[in-house]
Structure formats: structure tokens, C-alpha cells
Amino acid sequence: MGVIPQSLLDKILVPSEIARRDWQGSRPLVFSNGVFDVLHPGHVVYLAAARALGAALLVGLNTDTSARQLGKGVGRPINSERDRALVIAALQSVSYVTLFEESTPCELIRRCRPDVYVKGGDYDIELLEETRLVRSWGGRSLAIPLLEGYSSTALVQRIRGHD
């Protein structure tokens, strides 16, 4: 394997760095989270739309353990947390990536206090604990419409021959 460019590694933050980091140059800060297991155009368009809402986009990535707890299916995630972090970090729209082990990214959100929290349109944003948290300090929370026809689960099923 070739050498991973330092510019990619610099975008991957250790969770403990989040609270110590000075986010002022990154305001408004947008935060989103997910597994992003098998990257597809829907993810890319979604993250570009999220980034357009602020000066920087921080993506909280579920660790392998927390992703398995979400019930995505047998053998998921397919890509390791390290590989997923590198792929997400390589996207131009993504400013930073960090991992989280918990069932929700609320602790990360408390640490960085984003101005905007976004999720895909398949979530009811009003029901999320993350929304209440971000709004508690005056931030906003919104759902971004999904690009129709794309799903990691459907893609994995197609690859495995389960059309």
C-alpha cells in the first residue's frame, strides 16, 4: 500500500481533540454523522449540500462497533472504520472526520457545539436528541433531501446477488 497523504490524515481528528480545538475559524460549523459504509453518489451529494451550509463540515463516523449495533445487516460494516474515515476525509466537501463509539453523536456535538446539525431526509429531524441539543444553544437542525435511488444496504444486497 502506498503512503497515505498527510493532508488526509490531518482531516481525521481523535475524538478527544474535538473539545480542545478552536472552531472559531470554522464558523459556521456544520456537523453530520453516519456509518458511510459503502460510499455512493447519494452520500457525496448529501455531504456537499451539508458543507454548503457553513464554513466547515465535521463528520462524525460510527466506529465499527457502534455501526454493528445499528442493525445494518450481517457482515456490516463492510469497510473498516479506518478505511471509511480515509474515504470520507478524501472528499472535498468534508473538512474533518472523527469517530464515535456511542449510539448517538451527542457527546461529540457537546464538544464542538456546531451551528448547524444535518441528517438525511430519511430521518425525522424533530425526533432526534441531536436536534434538541443543537437548538439548546441557538443552533439549527435540518434534514437534507436524499438523492433518490441510492442506498448502501441496497447496493450491498445487489453486490451479494440478493436483487
Protein backbone atom coordinates (compact mmCIF):
# COMPACT_ATOMS: atom_id res chain seq x y z
CA MET A 1 0.00 0.00 0.00
CA GLY A 2 1.25 3.47 -0.82
CA VAL A 3 1.80 6.20 1.68
CA ILE A 4 -1.36 7.96 2.86
CA PRO A 5 -1.03 11.70 2.20
CA GLN A 6 -0.61 13.77 5.34
CA SER A 7 -3.34 16.11 4.08
CA LEU A 8 -5.86 13.26 4.52
CA LEU A 9 -4.53 12.24 7.91
CA ASP A 10 -4.74 15.86 9.11
CA LYS A 11 -8.50 15.83 8.45
CA ILE A 12 -9.06 12.83 10.75
CA LEU A 13 -9.39 14.03 14.33
CA VAL A 14 -9.15 11.98 17.50
CA PRO A 15 -12.43 12.44 19.44
CA SER A 16 -10.57 13.90 22.44
CA GLU A 17 -9.28 16.70 20.15
CA ILE A 18 -12.78 17.95 19.46
CA ALA A 19 -13.26 19.81 22.75
CA ARG A 20 -9.75 21.33 22.68
CA ARG A 21 -9.91 22.53 19.09
CA ASP A 22 -10.55 26.19 18.34
CA TRP A 23 -13.52 26.09 15.98
CA GLN A 24 -13.83 29.87 15.57
CA GLY A 25 -12.17 29.86 12.14
CA SER A 26 -14.61 27.15 11.09
CA ARG A 27 -17.83 29.02 11.86
CA PRO A 28 -20.50 28.42 10.95
CA LEU A 29 -19.61 24.80 11.73
CA VAL A 30 -21.84 22.10 10.25
CA PHE A 31 -21.97 18.65 11.85
CA SER A 32 -23.32 15.44 10.39
CA ASN A 33 -22.87 11.81 11.25
CA GLY A 34 -23.34 8.32 9.91
CA VAL A 35 -21.76 5.00 9.02
CA PHE A 36 -20.95 5.84 5.36
CA ASP A 37 -20.02 2.20 4.78
CA VAL A 38 -20.20 1.83 1.01
CA LEU A 39 -19.85 5.34 -0.36
CA HIS A 40 -22.20 6.15 -3.23
CA PRO A 41 -23.40 9.28 -5.10
CA GLY A 42 -26.19 9.85 -2.57
CA HIS A 43 -23.59 10.25 0.20
CA VAL A 44 -21.42 12.55 -1.91
CA VAL A 45 -24.33 14.83 -2.86
CA TYR A 46 -25.62 14.86 0.73
CA LEU A 47 -22.22 15.82 2.19
CA ALA A 48 -21.71 18.53 -0.45
CA ALA A 49 -25.12 20.00 0.44
CA ALA A 50 -24.24 19.86 4.14
CA ARG A 51 -20.92 21.64 3.54
CA ALA A 52 -22.67 24.40 1.59
CA LEU A 53 -24.48 25.36 4.82
CA GLY A 54 -21.34 26.58 6.58
CA ALA A 55 -17.63 27.34 6.56
CA ALA A 56 -16.62 23.80 7.61
CA LEU A 57 -18.14 20.32 7.82
CA LEU A 58 -17.25 17.91 10.61
CA VAL A 59 -18.44 14.34 10.02
CA GLY A 60 -18.90 12.04 13.00
CA LEU A 61 -18.34 8.48 11.82
CA ASN A 62 -19.72 5.49 13.69
CA THR A 63 -16.98 3.11 14.80
CA ASP A 64 -17.26 -0.48 13.60
CA THR A 65 -18.72 -1.48 16.97
CA SER A 66 -21.35 1.27 17.02
CA ALA A 67 -22.21 0.62 13.34
CA ARG A 68 -22.87 -3.07 14.10
CA GLN A 69 -25.26 -2.02 16.89
CA LEU A 70 -27.38 -0.11 14.35
CA GLY A 71 -28.56 -3.35 12.75
CA LYS A 72 -27.40 -2.62 9.20
CA GLY A 73 -27.15 -6.35 8.47
CA VAL A 74 -24.84 -9.32 8.70
CA GLY A 75 -21.23 -8.52 7.94
CA ARG A 76 -21.68 -4.76 8.17
CA PRO A 77 -19.90 -2.53 8.08
CA ILE A 78 -18.09 -3.92 5.07
CA ASN A 79 -15.33 -1.30 5.25
CA SER A 80 -13.40 -0.76 8.48
CA GLU A 81 -13.71 2.48 10.43
CA ARG A 82 -10.16 3.40 9.38
CA ASP A 83 -10.94 2.88 5.69
CA ARG A 84 -14.27 4.70 5.95
CA ALA A 85 -12.58 7.64 7.68
CA LEU A 86 -9.97 7.90 4.92
CA VAL A 87 -12.59 7.81 2.16
CA ILE A 88 -14.75 10.46 3.85
CA ALA A 89 -11.66 12.62 4.56
CA ALA A 90 -10.77 12.49 0.86
CA LEU A 91 -14.00 14.27 -0.09
CA GLN A 92 -13.52 17.94 -0.90
CA SER A 93 -16.73 18.85 0.95
CA VAL A 94 -15.51 17.33 4.25
CA SER A 95 -13.32 19.48 6.47
CA TYR A 96 -12.80 16.98 9.30
CA VAL A 97 -13.77 13.44 10.30
CA THR A 98 -13.85 11.89 13.74
CA LEU A 99 -15.09 8.59 15.15
CA PHE A 100 -17.65 7.99 17.87
CA GLU A 101 -18.38 4.81 19.78
CA GLU A 102 -21.70 5.78 21.36
CA SER A 103 -25.16 5.10 19.91
CA THR A 104 -25.58 8.83 19.15
CA PRO A 105 -23.05 11.57 18.43
CA CYS A 106 -24.40 13.78 21.23
CA GLU A 107 -21.14 13.82 23.19
CA LEU A 108 -19.22 14.96 20.08
CA ILE A 109 -21.86 17.59 19.43
CA ARG A 110 -21.49 18.90 23.00
CA ARG A 111 -17.73 19.15 22.47
CA CYS A 112 -17.75 21.09 19.19
CA ARG A 113 -21.09 22.95 19.56
CA PRO A 114 -21.92 23.15 15.84
CA ASP A 115 -24.02 25.94 14.43
CA VAL A 116 -25.87 23.53 12.14
CA TYR A 117 -26.72 19.84 12.54
CA VAL A 118 -27.83 17.90 9.45
CA LYS A 119 -29.14 14.42 8.70
CA GLY A 120 -30.56 12.81 5.60
CA GLY A 121 -34.21 13.28 4.71
CA ASP A 122 -34.98 9.72 5.81
CA TYR A 123 -34.80 10.95 9.43
CA ASP A 124 -37.48 12.93 11.25
CA ILE A 125 -35.16 15.69 12.44
CA GLU A 126 -37.66 16.82 15.07
CA LEU A 127 -37.44 13.48 16.90
CA LEU A 128 -33.64 13.42 17.24
CA GLU A 129 -31.91 14.11 20.54
CA GLU A 130 -29.17 15.82 18.49
CA THR A 131 -31.69 18.41 17.28
CA ARG A 132 -32.75 19.33 20.82
CA LEU A 133 -29.11 19.60 21.85
CA VAL A 134 -28.02 21.89 18.99
CA ARG A 135 -31.08 24.09 19.37
CA SER A 136 -30.33 24.48 23.10
CA TRP A 137 -27.51 26.91 22.24
CA GLY A 138 -29.28 28.56 19.31
CA GLY A 139 -28.07 26.31 16.51
CA ARG A 140 -30.29 24.93 13.82
CA SER A 141 -31.03 21.42 12.70
CA LEU A 142 -32.32 20.28 9.33
CA ALA A 143 -32.86 17.29 7.10
CA ILE A 144 -31.32 17.28 3.63
CA PRO A 145 -33.37 15.53 0.94
CA LEU A 146 -31.80 12.30 -0.26
CA LEU A 147 -30.76 11.64 -3.84
CA GLU A 148 -33.33 9.06 -4.95
CA GLY A 149 -32.25 5.58 -5.90
CA TYR A 150 -29.20 5.24 -3.64
CA SER A 151 -28.83 3.12 -0.53
CA SER A 152 -25.79 1.35 0.91
CA THR A 153 -27.97 -1.54 2.04
CA ALA A 154 -29.48 -1.97 -1.44
CA LEU A 155 -26.02 -1.70 -3.01
CA VAL A 156 -24.59 -4.35 -0.68
CA GLN A 157 -27.54 -6.66 -1.43
CA ARG A 158 -27.01 -6.18 -5.17
CA ILE A 159 -23.27 -6.93 -4.86
CA ARG A 160 -24.05 -10.06 -2.85
CA GLY A 161 -26.54 -11.15 -5.50
CA HIS A 162 -29.73 -10.59 -3.50
CA ASP A 163 -31.61 -8.44 -6.01
